[in-house]
């Protein structure tokens, strides 16, 4: 039985993993410091692409939860990934 608390925990962990993945991507692949890189992302309107690349970290979180038989938390990760995809998609049209 999936409890809402476990799904919310998975959702929050996925959001944090996405933020961490985005930061890690910026640190590894940018030749500039973080502040300059964020300014370049702002100027180039590249938020969606960076967030999408950061969401790749959710794959690892998802499979860790499945391996530990924590399906409810894995559902939360899946839900967060869908929400991130929808927000990214909608931000392209706004």
Protein backbone atom coordinates (compact mmCIF):
# COMPACT_ATOMS: atom_id res chain seq x y z
CA UNK A 1 0.00 0.00 0.00
CA UNK A 2 1.44 3.35 -1.05
CA UNK A 3 1.26 5.98 1.61
CA UNK A 4 1.16 9.63 0.58
CA UNK A 5 4.04 10.36 2.95
CA UNK A 6 6.35 7.96 1.10
CA UNK A 7 5.33 9.37 -2.29
CA UNK A 8 6.01 12.92 -1.06
CA UNK A 9 9.43 11.85 0.22
CA UNK A 10 10.25 10.37 -3.19
CA UNK A 11 8.98 13.52 -4.90
CA UNK A 12 11.14 15.80 -2.72
CA UNK A 13 14.23 13.62 -3.15
CA UNK A 14 13.74 13.72 -6.93
CA UNK A 15 13.50 17.52 -6.92
CA UNK A 16 16.70 17.70 -4.86
CA UNK A 17 18.39 15.19 -7.18
CA UNK A 18 17.40 17.32 -10.18
CA UNK A 19 18.86 20.43 -8.57
CA UNK A 20 22.03 18.56 -7.64
CA UNK A 21 22.28 17.08 -11.13
CA UNK A 22 21.88 20.52 -12.71
CA UNK A 23 24.56 21.97 -10.45
CA UNK A 24 26.87 19.04 -11.15
CA UNK A 25 26.36 19.43 -14.89
CA UNK A 26 27.21 23.14 -14.66
CA UNK A 27 30.31 22.45 -12.55
CA UNK A 28 31.62 19.68 -14.81
CA UNK A 29 30.95 21.15 -18.23
CA UNK A 30 31.15 24.91 -17.82
CA UNK A 31 34.44 26.71 -18.34
CA UNK A 32 33.18 29.65 -16.28
CA UNK A 33 32.40 30.12 -12.61
CA UNK A 34 28.89 29.34 -11.35
CA UNK A 35 27.68 32.96 -11.23
CA UNK A 36 28.80 33.67 -14.80
CA UNK A 37 27.29 30.40 -15.98
CA UNK A 38 23.93 31.24 -14.36
CA UNK A 39 24.01 34.64 -16.08
CA UNK A 40 24.71 32.95 -19.41
CA UNK A 41 21.84 30.50 -18.82
CA UNK A 42 19.55 33.45 -18.04
CA UNK A 43 20.66 35.38 -21.12
CA UNK A 44 20.35 32.36 -23.41
CA UNK A 45 17.03 31.23 -21.91
CA UNK A 46 18.48 27.76 -21.34
CA UNK A 47 16.71 26.92 -18.06
CA UNK A 48 14.74 24.07 -19.56
CA UNK A 49 17.73 22.36 -21.08
CA UNK A 50 19.78 22.53 -17.86
CA UNK A 51 16.89 21.27 -15.73
CA UNK A 52 16.25 18.44 -18.17
CA UNK A 53 19.88 17.37 -18.04
CA UNK A 54 19.78 17.60 -14.25
CA UNK A 55 16.71 15.35 -14.16
CA UNK A 56 18.83 12.49 -15.47
CA UNK A 57 19.92 12.01 -11.84
CA UNK A 58 16.36 10.86 -11.12
CA UNK A 59 17.07 7.64 -13.00
CA UNK A 60 19.60 6.63 -10.39
CA UNK A 61 17.31 7.61 -7.50
CA UNK A 62 14.44 5.69 -9.08
CA UNK A 63 16.43 2.48 -9.44
CA UNK A 64 17.88 2.75 -5.92
CA UNK A 65 14.35 2.92 -4.53
CA UNK A 66 13.29 -0.04 -6.65
CA UNK A 67 16.29 -2.05 -5.52
CA UNK A 68 15.37 -1.33 -1.88
CA UNK A 69 11.73 -2.36 -2.56
CA UNK A 70 10.48 1.16 -1.82
CA UNK A 71 7.97 1.34 -4.63
CA UNK A 72 6.00 4.23 -3.13
CA UNK A 73 9.08 6.45 -3.09
CA UNK A 74 9.88 5.35 -6.64
CA UNK A 75 6.37 6.49 -7.60
CA UNK A 76 7.17 9.88 -6.09
CA UNK A 77 10.34 10.09 -8.18
CA UNK A 78 8.36 9.21 -11.29
CA UNK A 79 5.73 11.82 -10.43
CA UNK A 80 8.40 14.50 -9.91
CA UNK A 81 10.05 13.60 -13.21
CA UNK A 82 6.71 13.96 -15.02
CA UNK A 83 6.05 17.31 -13.32
CA UNK A 84 9.54 18.54 -14.26
CA UNK A 85 8.96 17.47 -17.87
CA UNK A 86 5.59 19.23 -18.01
CA UNK A 87 6.94 22.43 -16.44
CA UNK A 88 9.84 22.41 -18.88
CA UNK A 89 7.48 21.86 -21.79
CA UNK A 90 5.11 24.60 -20.67
CA UNK A 91 7.98 27.03 -20.11
CA UNK A 92 8.84 26.73 -23.77
CA UNK A 93 5.44 28.14 -24.73
CA UNK A 94 5.25 30.92 -22.16
